Amino acid sequence: MVTVRFFAVLKKLLDRESMHVNLHGPTTLKALLDRLEEDIPSIRSVIREGRTLIAVNQEIAQEETLVSDGDEVAFLPPFAGGQH
């Protein structure tokens, strides 16, 4: 099982902070994203715009990154802030 976490605006948009996804062996991040898009269609526009960073086990990942049971996948939307 993989833990998927949503932060900031994504948490509000999807009305959830996290979810669990069962895997049948290691899979690519892209395959996991495709599955999430089937389960939560509203996530498609956010993750496909390319502005959302995705981390696997707290390291920025690419679509070809392998995801395995026990991993944590986090969706990190752009953050505002900084100096004025």
N, C-alpha and C. Protein backbone atom coordinates (compact mmCIF):
# COMPACT_ATOMS: atom_id res chain seq x y z
N MET A 1 0.84 -1.18 0.00
CA MET A 1 0.00 0.00 0.00
C MET A 1 0.89 1.25 0.00
N VAL A 2 0.51 2.23 -0.78
CA VAL A 2 1.21 3.51 -0.88
C VAL A 2 0.34 4.58 -0.22
N THR A 3 0.97 5.45 0.54
CA THR A 3 0.26 6.59 1.12
C THR A 3 0.45 7.78 0.20
N VAL A 4 -0.64 8.37 -0.21
CA VAL A 4 -0.60 9.56 -1.08
C VAL A 4 -1.08 10.73 -0.25
N ARG A 5 -0.26 11.80 -0.20
CA ARG A 5 -0.59 12.98 0.59
C ARG A 5 -0.75 14.20 -0.31
N PHE A 6 -1.72 15.03 0.05
CA PHE A 6 -2.00 16.25 -0.70
C PHE A 6 -1.79 17.44 0.23
N PHE A 7 -1.16 18.48 -0.28
CA PHE A 7 -0.86 19.66 0.53
C PHE A 7 -1.47 20.92 -0.06
N ALA A 8 -1.63 21.91 0.81
CA ALA A 8 -2.07 23.27 0.45
C ALA A 8 -3.37 23.24 -0.35
N VAL A 9 -3.37 23.91 -1.50
CA VAL A 9 -4.58 24.07 -2.29
C VAL A 9 -5.13 22.72 -2.78
N LEU A 10 -4.24 21.76 -3.00
CA LEU A 10 -4.71 20.44 -3.43
C LEU A 10 -5.58 19.78 -2.37
N LYS A 11 -5.19 19.96 -1.12
CA LYS A 11 -5.96 19.38 -0.02
C LYS A 11 -7.38 19.96 -0.02
N LYS A 12 -7.48 21.26 -0.25
CA LYS A 12 -8.80 21.90 -0.30
C LYS A 12 -9.58 21.47 -1.55
N LEU A 13 -8.91 21.47 -2.68
CA LEU A 13 -9.56 21.13 -3.94
C LEU A 13 -10.12 19.71 -3.92
N LEU A 14 -9.36 18.78 -3.37
CA LEU A 14 -9.76 17.38 -3.36
C LEU A 14 -10.53 16.98 -2.12
N ASP A 15 -10.60 17.89 -1.16
CA ASP A 15 -11.30 17.66 0.10
C ASP A 15 -10.78 16.43 0.83
N ARG A 16 -9.47 16.25 0.76
CA ARG A 16 -8.83 15.16 1.50
C ARG A 16 -7.35 15.48 1.68
N GLU A 17 -6.82 15.00 2.77
CA GLU A 17 -5.40 15.22 3.08
C GLU A 17 -4.54 14.07 2.58
N SER A 18 -5.11 12.88 2.59
CA SER A 18 -4.34 11.72 2.15
C SER A 18 -5.28 10.60 1.73
N MET A 19 -4.68 9.59 1.11
CA MET A 19 -5.41 8.40 0.74
C MET A 19 -4.41 7.25 0.62
N HIS A 20 -4.91 6.04 0.59
CA HIS A 20 -4.05 4.87 0.44
C HIS A 20 -4.40 4.17 -0.85
N VAL A 21 -3.37 3.70 -1.55
CA VAL A 21 -3.56 3.01 -2.82
C VAL A 21 -2.83 1.68 -2.74
N ASN A 22 -3.54 0.61 -3.04
CA ASN A 22 -2.92 -0.72 -3.07
C ASN A 22 -2.23 -0.91 -4.41
N LEU A 23 -1.01 -1.42 -4.36
CA LEU A 23 -0.25 -1.72 -5.56
C LEU A 23 -0.09 -3.23 -5.70
N HIS A 24 0.09 -3.65 -6.92
CA HIS A 24 0.38 -5.07 -7.18
C HIS A 24 1.81 -5.13 -7.69
N GLY A 25 2.75 -4.91 -6.77
CA GLY A 25 4.16 -4.88 -7.13
C GLY A 25 4.60 -3.46 -7.47
N PRO A 26 5.90 -3.28 -7.64
CA PRO A 26 6.41 -1.95 -7.97
C PRO A 26 5.81 -1.45 -9.29
N THR A 27 5.57 -0.14 -9.33
CA THR A 27 5.00 0.48 -10.53
C THR A 27 5.66 1.83 -10.71
N THR A 28 5.50 2.41 -11.87
CA THR A 28 6.07 3.74 -12.09
C THR A 28 5.14 4.80 -11.51
N LEU A 29 5.71 5.94 -11.25
CA LEU A 29 4.91 7.06 -10.77
C LEU A 29 3.86 7.42 -11.82
N LYS A 30 4.21 7.36 -13.09
CA LYS A 30 3.24 7.67 -14.15
C LYS A 30 2.03 6.74 -14.08
N ALA A 31 2.25 5.44 -13.87
CA ALA A 31 1.14 4.50 -13.77
C ALA A 31 0.27 4.81 -12.54
N LEU A 32 0.90 5.21 -11.45
CA LEU A 32 0.15 5.60 -10.26
C LEU A 32 -0.67 6.85 -10.55
N LEU A 33 -0.09 7.82 -11.24
CA LEU A 33 -0.81 9.05 -11.59
C LEU A 33 -2.02 8.73 -12.47
N ASP A 34 -1.83 7.86 -13.44
CA ASP A 34 -2.94 7.47 -14.31
C ASP A 34 -4.07 6.86 -13.49
N ARG A 35 -3.71 6.03 -12.53
CA ARG A 35 -4.73 5.40 -11.68
C ARG A 35 -5.44 6.44 -10.81
N LEU A 36 -4.68 7.38 -10.26
CA LEU A 36 -5.29 8.44 -9.44
C LEU A 36 -6.25 9.28 -10.27
N GLU A 37 -5.88 9.56 -11.53
CA GLU A 37 -6.75 10.34 -12.40
C GLU A 37 -8.07 9.62 -12.67
N GLU A 38 -8.04 8.29 -12.74
CA GLU A 38 -9.28 7.52 -12.93
C GLU A 38 -10.16 7.62 -11.69
N ASP A 39 -9.53 7.53 -10.51
CA ASP A 39 -10.28 7.57 -9.25
C ASP A 39 -10.73 8.97 -8.87
N ILE A 40 -9.92 9.98 -9.20
CA ILE A 40 -10.21 11.38 -8.83
C ILE A 40 -10.01 12.25 -10.07
N PRO A 41 -11.01 12.33 -10.96
CA PRO A 41 -10.84 13.09 -12.20
C PRO A 41 -10.42 14.55 -12.00
N SER A 42 -10.81 15.16 -10.90
CA SER A 42 -10.48 16.57 -10.68
C SER A 42 -8.99 16.80 -10.45
N ILE A 43 -8.24 15.74 -10.19
CA ILE A 43 -6.81 15.90 -9.97
C ILE A 43 -6.05 16.09 -11.29
N ARG A 44 -6.67 15.67 -12.38
CA ARG A 44 -5.99 15.68 -13.68
C ARG A 44 -5.44 17.05 -14.07
N SER A 45 -6.27 18.07 -13.98
CA SER A 45 -5.82 19.40 -14.41
C SER A 45 -4.69 19.92 -13.55
N VAL A 46 -4.71 19.59 -12.29
CA VAL A 46 -3.68 20.10 -11.38
C VAL A 46 -2.34 19.43 -11.63
N ILE A 47 -2.31 18.12 -11.77
CA ILE A 47 -1.02 17.46 -11.92
C ILE A 47 -0.49 17.51 -13.35
N ARG A 48 -1.35 17.66 -14.31
CA ARG A 48 -0.89 17.69 -15.70
C ARG A 48 -0.43 19.08 -16.14
N GLU A 49 -0.73 20.11 -15.36
CA GLU A 49 -0.24 21.44 -15.70
C GLU A 49 1.27 21.53 -15.53
N GLY A 50 1.84 20.59 -14.79
CA GLY A 50 3.28 20.55 -14.64
C GLY A 50 3.84 21.45 -13.55
N ARG A 51 2.98 22.15 -12.85
CA ARG A 51 3.48 23.03 -11.81
C ARG A 51 3.51 22.35 -10.44
N THR A 52 2.87 21.23 -10.32
CA THR A 52 2.84 20.51 -9.06
C THR A 52 4.05 19.60 -8.97
N LEU A 53 4.82 19.75 -7.90
CA LEU A 53 5.94 18.84 -7.68
C LEU A 53 5.41 17.59 -7.02
N ILE A 54 6.00 16.46 -7.37
CA ILE A 54 5.62 15.20 -6.77
C ILE A 54 6.87 14.58 -6.16
N ALA A 55 6.75 14.21 -4.89
CA ALA A 55 7.88 13.61 -4.19
C ALA A 55 7.53 12.18 -3.81
N VAL A 56 8.50 11.31 -3.94
CA VAL A 56 8.37 9.94 -3.46
C VAL A 56 9.38 9.79 -2.32
N ASN A 57 8.87 9.48 -1.16
CA ASN A 57 9.72 9.36 0.03
C ASN A 57 10.58 10.60 0.24
N GLN A 58 9.95 11.76 0.10
CA GLN A 58 10.53 13.07 0.36
C GLN A 58 11.64 13.46 -0.62
N GLU A 59 11.66 12.85 -1.80
CA GLU A 59 12.59 13.25 -2.85
C GLU A 59 11.79 13.51 -4.12
N ILE A 60 12.06 14.65 -4.76
CA ILE A 60 11.35 15.01 -5.99
C ILE A 60 11.50 13.88 -7.00
N ALA A 61 10.38 13.49 -7.61
CA ALA A 61 10.36 12.33 -8.50
C ALA A 61 9.96 12.71 -9.91
N GLN A 62 10.27 11.82 -10.83
CA GLN A 62 9.89 11.94 -12.24
C GLN A 62 8.90 10.82 -12.55
N GLU A 63 8.25 10.89 -13.70
CA GLU A 63 7.24 9.90 -14.05
C GLU A 63 7.80 8.47 -14.08
N GLU A 64 9.08 8.32 -14.38
CA GLU A 64 9.66 6.98 -14.45
C GLU A 64 10.15 6.45 -13.09
N THR A 65 10.03 7.26 -12.04
CA THR A 65 10.42 6.82 -10.70
C THR A 65 9.56 5.63 -10.28
N LEU A 66 10.20 4.62 -9.70
CA LEU A 66 9.45 3.46 -9.22
C LEU A 66 8.83 3.74 -7.86
N VAL A 67 7.62 3.26 -7.69
CA VAL A 67 6.87 3.39 -6.44
C VAL A 67 6.55 1.96 -5.97
N SER A 68 6.82 1.70 -4.68
CA SER A 68 6.61 0.37 -4.13
C SER A 68 5.77 0.44 -2.87
N ASP A 69 5.30 -0.73 -2.43
CA ASP A 69 4.55 -0.80 -1.18
C ASP A 69 5.33 -0.13 -0.06
N GLY A 70 4.63 0.65 0.76
CA GLY A 70 5.25 1.32 1.88
C GLY A 70 5.75 2.72 1.57
N ASP A 71 5.78 3.09 0.29
CA ASP A 71 6.26 4.42 -0.09
C ASP A 71 5.22 5.49 0.22
N GLU A 72 5.70 6.72 0.30
CA GLU A 72 4.83 7.88 0.46
C GLU A 72 5.00 8.77 -0.76
N VAL A 73 3.89 9.13 -1.38
CA VAL A 73 3.89 10.02 -2.54
C VAL A 73 3.20 11.30 -2.10
N ALA A 74 3.88 12.43 -2.28
CA ALA A 74 3.32 13.72 -1.86
C ALA A 74 3.18 14.65 -3.05
N PHE A 75 2.03 15.30 -3.13
CA PHE A 75 1.76 16.29 -4.17
C PHE A 75 1.94 17.67 -3.57
N LEU A 76 2.88 18.42 -4.12
CA LEU A 76 3.24 19.72 -3.57
C LEU A 76 2.96 20.81 -4.60
N PRO A 77 1.83 21.50 -4.47
CA PRO A 77 1.51 22.57 -5.42
C PRO A 77 2.43 23.76 -5.23
N PRO A 78 2.45 24.67 -6.18
CA PRO A 78 3.28 25.87 -6.02
C PRO A 78 2.92 26.62 -4.74
N PHE A 79 3.93 27.08 -4.05
CA PHE A 79 3.71 27.83 -2.82
C PHE A 79 3.97 29.30 -3.09
N ALA A 80 3.13 30.15 -2.54
CA ALA A 80 3.33 31.60 -2.64
C ALA A 80 4.09 32.07 -1.41
N GLY A 81 4.65 33.22 -1.53
CA GLY A 81 5.33 33.76 -0.36
C GLY A 81 6.65 34.38 -0.75
N GLY A 82 7.45 34.66 0.23
CA GLY A 82 8.73 35.28 -0.02
C GLY A 82 8.78 36.67 0.57
N GLN A 83 9.76 37.40 0.17
CA GLN A 83 9.94 38.75 0.72
C GLN A 83 9.09 39.75 -0.05
N HIS A 84 8.71 40.80 0.65
CA HIS A 84 7.92 41.87 0.03
C HIS A 84 8.81 42.98 -0.39
